[in-house]
């Protein structure tokens, strides 16, 4: 249940907020701040953030393509 709540909370954050969390995780991993058990959880979280951000980028790309196509049609 906690995992589901965490995922739902992530979905409400912006792309910039998610990237900031990812950068924090990367810094923690790079500086060897994490214990092994914590490292595994942070890597899982990082993968979730990457998937979330990738999806946001794909949706934005699709919307931009549509807007440009609509604009092109209106100009003709």
Protein backbone atom coordinates (compact mmCIF):
# COMPACT_ATOMS: atom_id res chain seq x y z
CA UNK A 1 0.00 0.00 0.00
CA UNK A 2 2.83 2.41 0.82
CA UNK A 3 4.35 1.76 -2.62
CA UNK A 4 1.04 2.58 -4.32
CA UNK A 5 0.73 5.84 -2.38
CA UNK A 6 4.31 6.76 -3.25
CA UNK A 7 3.66 6.15 -6.94
CA UNK A 8 0.45 8.20 -6.83
CA UNK A 9 2.28 11.07 -5.13
CA UNK A 10 4.95 11.00 -7.83
CA UNK A 11 2.37 11.32 -10.57
CA UNK A 12 1.29 14.69 -9.17
CA UNK A 13 4.78 16.14 -9.26
CA UNK A 14 6.12 18.13 -12.16
CA UNK A 15 8.82 16.98 -14.51
CA UNK A 16 11.25 19.41 -12.85
CA UNK A 17 10.45 18.08 -9.39
CA UNK A 18 10.97 14.50 -10.55
CA UNK A 19 14.28 15.42 -12.17
CA UNK A 20 15.41 17.13 -8.96
CA UNK A 21 14.63 13.93 -7.02
CA UNK A 22 16.55 11.91 -9.58
CA UNK A 23 19.54 14.22 -9.33
CA UNK A 24 19.50 13.83 -5.54
CA UNK A 25 19.52 10.05 -5.87
CA UNK A 26 22.38 10.18 -8.38
CA UNK A 27 24.42 12.37 -6.01
CA UNK A 28 23.77 9.95 -3.14
CA UNK A 29 24.82 6.97 -5.24
CA UNK A 30 27.91 8.73 -6.60
CA UNK A 31 29.06 9.81 -3.14
CA UNK A 32 28.61 6.33 -1.64
CA UNK A 33 26.25 7.73 1.03
CA UNK A 34 23.87 4.80 0.89
CA UNK A 35 23.88 1.44 2.63
CA UNK A 36 23.32 -1.58 0.38
CA UNK A 37 19.63 -1.98 1.31
CA UNK A 38 19.02 1.73 0.80
CA UNK A 39 20.92 1.62 -2.48
CA UNK A 40 18.58 -1.04 -3.87
CA UNK A 41 15.52 1.03 -2.94
CA UNK A 42 17.00 4.23 -4.40
CA UNK A 43 17.85 2.46 -7.67
CA UNK A 44 14.25 1.21 -7.89
CA UNK A 45 12.98 4.71 -7.20
CA UNK A 46 15.34 6.15 -9.82
CA UNK A 47 14.00 3.69 -12.40
CA UNK A 48 10.43 4.75 -11.57
CA UNK A 49 11.37 8.41 -11.92
CA UNK A 50 13.06 7.77 -15.27
CA UNK A 51 9.96 5.95 -16.55
CA UNK A 52 7.72 8.79 -15.32
CA UNK A 53 9.88 11.47 -16.94
CA UNK A 54 10.13 9.52 -20.19
CA UNK A 55 6.35 9.25 -20.33
CA UNK A 56 5.96 12.98 -19.65
CA UNK A 57 8.39 13.76 -22.49
CA UNK A 58 6.59 11.42 -24.90
CA UNK A 59 3.24 13.04 -24.08
CA UNK A 60 4.67 16.53 -24.51
CA UNK A 61 6.22 15.54 -27.85
CA UNK A 62 2.91 14.13 -29.07
CA UNK A 63 1.05 17.28 -28.03
CA UNK A 64 3.60 19.55 -29.72
CA UNK A 65 3.47 17.50 -32.92
CA UNK A 66 -0.33 17.78 -32.91
CA UNK A 67 -0.24 21.53 -32.31
CA UNK A 68 2.25 22.03 -35.13
CA UNK A 69 0.19 19.87 -37.49
CA UNK A 70 -2.98 21.82 -36.58
CA UNK A 71 -1.17 25.11 -37.14
CA UNK A 72 0.11 23.90 -40.50
CA UNK A 73 -3.43 22.88 -41.57
CA UNK A 74 -4.86 26.24 -40.54
CA UNK A 75 -2.25 28.09 -42.57
CA UNK A 76 -3.20 26.28 -45.78
